[in-house]
C-alpha atoms as a PDB file:
ATOM      1  CA  MET A   1       0.000   0.000   0.000  1.00  0.00           C
ATOM      2  CA  THR A   2       1.412   3.388  -0.932  1.00  0.00           C
ATOM      3  CA  LYS A   3       1.980   6.163   1.552  1.00  0.00           C
ATOM      4  CA  ALA A   4      -0.765   8.283  -0.027  1.00  0.00           C
ATOM      5  CA  ALA A   5      -3.268   5.426   0.181  1.00  0.00           C
ATOM      6  CA  LYS A   6      -2.405   4.874   3.846  1.00  0.00           C
ATOM      7  CA  GLU A   7      -2.857   8.575   4.626  1.00  0.00           C
ATOM      8  CA  LYS A   8      -6.199   8.641   2.791  1.00  0.00           C
ATOM      9  CA  GLU A   9      -7.378   5.584   4.706  1.00  0.00           C
ATOM     10  CA  GLU A  10      -6.303   7.072   8.035  1.00  0.00           C
ATOM     11  CA  ASN A  11      -8.024  10.376   7.275  1.00  0.00           C
ATOM     12  CA  ILE A  12     -11.468   8.856   6.743  1.00  0.00           C
ATOM     13  CA  ASN A  13     -13.961  11.104   8.507  1.00  0.00           C
ATOM     14  CA  LEU A  14     -16.149   8.518  10.181  1.00  0.00           C
ATOM     15  CA  ASP A  15     -18.884  10.996  11.087  1.00  0.00           C
ATOM     16  CA  ASN A  16     -19.465  11.925   7.447  1.00  0.00           C
ATOM     17  CA  VAL A  17     -19.104   8.378   6.167  1.00  0.00           C
ATOM     18  CA  ILE A  18     -21.573   6.953   8.681  1.00  0.00           C
ATOM     19  CA  ALA A  19     -24.064   9.804   8.162  1.00  0.00           C
ATOM     20  CA  ASP A  20     -24.084   9.220   4.385  1.00  0.00           C
ATOM     21  CA  TYR A  21     -23.677   5.464   4.584  1.00  0.00           C
ATOM     22  CA  GLY A  22     -27.044   4.085   3.626  1.00  0.00           C
ATOM     23  CA  PRO A  23     -29.487   1.496   4.942  1.00  0.00           C
ATOM     24  CA  SER A  24     -26.876  -1.029   6.057  1.00  0.00           C
ATOM     25  CA  LYS A  25     -25.156   1.343   8.473  1.00  0.00           C
ATOM     26  CA  TYR A  26     -26.861  -0.082  11.565  1.00  0.00           C
ATOM     27  CA  ASN A  27     -25.844  -3.623  10.682  1.00  0.00           C
ATOM     28  CA  ASP A  28     -22.322  -2.441   9.911  1.00  0.00           C
ATOM     29  CA  VAL A  29     -22.048  -0.601  13.228  1.00  0.00           C
ATOM     30  CA  VAL A  30     -22.938  -3.866  14.991  1.00  0.00           C
ATOM     31  CA  LEU A  31     -20.329  -5.663  12.885  1.00  0.00           C
ATOM     32  CA  ALA A  32     -17.780  -2.994  13.782  1.00  0.00           C
ATOM     33  CA  MET A  33     -18.446  -3.510  17.490  1.00  0.00           C
ATOM     34  CA  LEU A  34     -17.983  -7.263  17.052  1.00  0.00           C
ATOM     35  CA  TRP A  35     -14.768  -6.573  15.155  1.00  0.00           C
ATOM     36  CA  ALA A  36     -13.627  -4.237  17.931  1.00  0.00           C
ATOM     37  CA  THR A  37     -14.226  -7.039  20.429  1.00  0.00           C
ATOM     38  CA  HIS A  38     -12.056  -9.327  18.318  1.00  0.00           C
ATOM     39  CA  LEU A  39      -9.346  -6.691  17.942  1.00  0.00           C
ATOM     40  CA  LYS A  40      -9.262  -6.160  21.705  1.00  0.00           C
ATOM     41  CA  PHE A  41      -8.644  -9.903  22.033  1.00  0.00           C
ATOM     42  CA  THR A  42      -5.552  -9.724  19.767  1.00  0.00           C
ATOM     43  CA  GLU A  43      -2.083  -9.008  21.110  1.00  0.00           C
ATOM     44  CA  GLU A  44      -1.608  -5.925  18.920  1.00  0.00           C
ATOM     45  CA  TYR A  45      -4.628  -4.093  20.353  1.00  0.00           C
ATOM     46  CA  ARG A  46      -4.757  -5.613  23.831  1.00  0.00           C
ATOM     47  CA  LEU A  47      -3.314  -2.559  25.580  1.00  0.00           C
ATOM     48  CA  LYS A  48      -4.751   0.153  23.320  1.00  0.00           C
ATOM     49  CA  PRO A  49      -7.602   2.417  24.440  1.00  0.00           C
ATOM     50  CA  VAL A  50     -11.077   1.189  23.558  1.00  0.00           C
ATOM     51  CA  ALA A  51     -11.874   4.395  21.656  1.00  0.00           C
ATOM     52  CA  GLU A  52      -8.919   3.787  19.343  1.00  0.00           C
ATOM     53  CA  ILE A  53      -9.941   0.171  18.777  1.00  0.00           C
ATOM     54  CA  ILE A  54     -13.514   1.189  17.933  1.00  0.00           C
ATOM     55  CA  ASP A  55     -12.186   3.778  15.481  1.00  0.00           C
ATOM     56  CA  VAL A  56     -10.022   1.158  13.744  1.00  0.00           C
ATOM     57  CA  ALA A  57     -12.899  -1.335  13.690  1.00  0.00           C
ATOM     58  CA  LEU A  58     -15.313   1.176  12.150  1.00  0.00           C
ATOM     59  CA  LYS A  59     -12.765   2.090   9.486  1.00  0.00           C
ATOM     60  CA  ASP A  60     -12.120  -1.575   8.709  1.00  0.00           C
ATOM     61  CA  VAL A  61     -15.828  -2.330   8.286  1.00  0.00           C
ATOM     62  CA  VAL A  62     -16.690   0.856   6.373  1.00  0.00           C
ATOM     63  CA  SER A  63     -13.744   0.436   3.995  1.00  0.00           C
ATOM     64  CA  LYS A  64     -14.675  -3.260   3.510  1.00  0.00           C
ATOM     65  CA  LYS A  65     -11.266  -4.418   4.750  1.00  0.00           C
ATOM     66  CA  VAL A  66     -13.065  -7.234   6.559  1.00  0.00           C
ATOM     67  CA  THR A  67     -16.204  -9.061   5.542  1.00  0.00           C
ATOM     68  CA  GLU A  68     -19.113 -10.104   7.716  1.00  0.00           C
ATOM     69  CA  GLU A  69     -18.038 -13.735   7.399  1.00  0.00           C
ATOM     70  CA  GLU A  70     -14.491 -12.943   8.527  1.00  0.00           C
ATOM     71  CA  ILE A  71     -15.823 -11.046  11.522  1.00  0.00           C
ATOM     72  CA  LYS A  72     -18.195 -13.821  12.559  1.00  0.00           C
ATOM     73  CA  GLU A  73     -15.480 -16.441  12.136  1.00  0.00           C
ATOM     74  CA  ALA A  74     -12.973 -14.439  14.197  1.00  0.00           C
ATOM     75  CA  VAL A  75     -15.478 -13.745  16.978  1.00  0.00           C
ATOM     76  CA  GLY A  76     -16.513 -17.406  17.000  1.00  0.00           C
ATOM     77  CA  LYS A  77     -12.902 -18.508  17.440  1.00  0.00           C
ATOM     78  CA  ASP A  78     -12.427 -15.920  20.195  1.00  0.00           C
ATOM     79  CA  ASN A  79     -15.505 -17.202  22.010  1.00  0.00           C
ATOM     80  CA  GLN A  80     -14.268 -20.776  21.721  1.00  0.00           C
ATOM     81  CA  ILE A  81     -10.908 -19.776  23.229  1.00  0.00           C
ATOM     82  CA  LYS A  82     -12.683 -17.905  26.035  1.00  0.00           C
ATOM     83  CA  MET A  83     -14.816 -20.946  26.822  1.00  0.00           C
ATOM     84  CA  GLU A  84     -11.732 -23.176  26.906  1.00  0.00           C
ATOM     85  CA  ARG A  85     -10.047 -20.771  29.321  1.00  0.00           C
ATOM     86  CA  ILE A  86     -13.119 -20.737  31.548  1.00  0.00           C
ATOM     87  CA  SER A  87     -13.158 -24.533  31.542  1.00  0.00           C
ATOM     88  CA  GLU A  88      -9.459 -24.658  32.437  1.00  0.00           C
ATOM     89  CA  LYS A  89     -10.026 -22.242  35.334  1.00  0.00           C
ATOM     90  CA  LYS A  90     -12.923 -24.342  36.625  1.00  0.00           C
ATOM     91  CA  ASP A  91     -10.797 -27.474  36.470  1.00  0.00           C
ATOM     92  CA  ALA A  92      -7.964 -25.717  38.286  1.00  0.00           C
ATOM     93  CA  ARG A  93     -10.362 -24.617  41.037  1.00  0.00           C
ATOM     94  CA  LYS A  94     -11.697 -28.163  41.413  1.00  0.00           C
ATOM     95  CA  ASP A  95      -8.168 -29.516  41.687  1.00  0.00           C
ATOM     96  CA  LYS A  96      -7.296 -26.889  44.290  1.00  0.00           C
ATOM     97  CA  LEU A  97     -10.376 -27.768  46.354  1.00  0.00           C
ATOM     98  CA  LYS A  98      -9.546 -31.477  46.158  1.00  0.00           C
ATOM     99  CA  LYS A  99      -6.013 -30.786  47.389  1.00  0.00           C
ATOM    100  CA  LYS A 100      -7.389 -28.725  50.292  1.00  0.00           C
ATOM    101  CA  GLU A 101      -9.757 -31.535  51.252  1.00  0.00           C
ATOM    102  CA  LYS A 102      -6.940 -34.090  51.130  1.00  0.00           C
ATOM    103  CA  THR A 103      -4.765 -31.996  53.401  1.00  0.00           C
ATOM    104  CA  LYS A 104      -7.660 -31.571  55.849  1.00  0.00           C
ATOM    105  CA  ASP A 105      -8.271 -35.332  55.866  1.00  0.00           C
ATOM    106  CA  GLU A 106      -4.597 -36.051  56.509  1.00  0.00           C
ATOM    107  CA  LYS A 107      -4.513 -33.782  59.543  1.00  0.00           C
END
């Protein structure tokens, strides 16, 4: 991507674009929020402010950098990873409780 193209992309005025967007803007705003959730889950955006992530997500969706299918797939994978982490934490808690009970029984 050329420097001029990058500058043009970065200078997208989201207020004007969204105001003149058309009938799909509400669906695309929802998609942008889902994309922002995915971006927040990535290492690159993990420590960035939420406002900046939302701005990037809106630009990505409005400029058609990402499709609805890509967004849904990415969010689905993120949710699967989150569920696996929750399951691992539950298992770790169960193991910890079992160890506590064993030590109580031994005393």
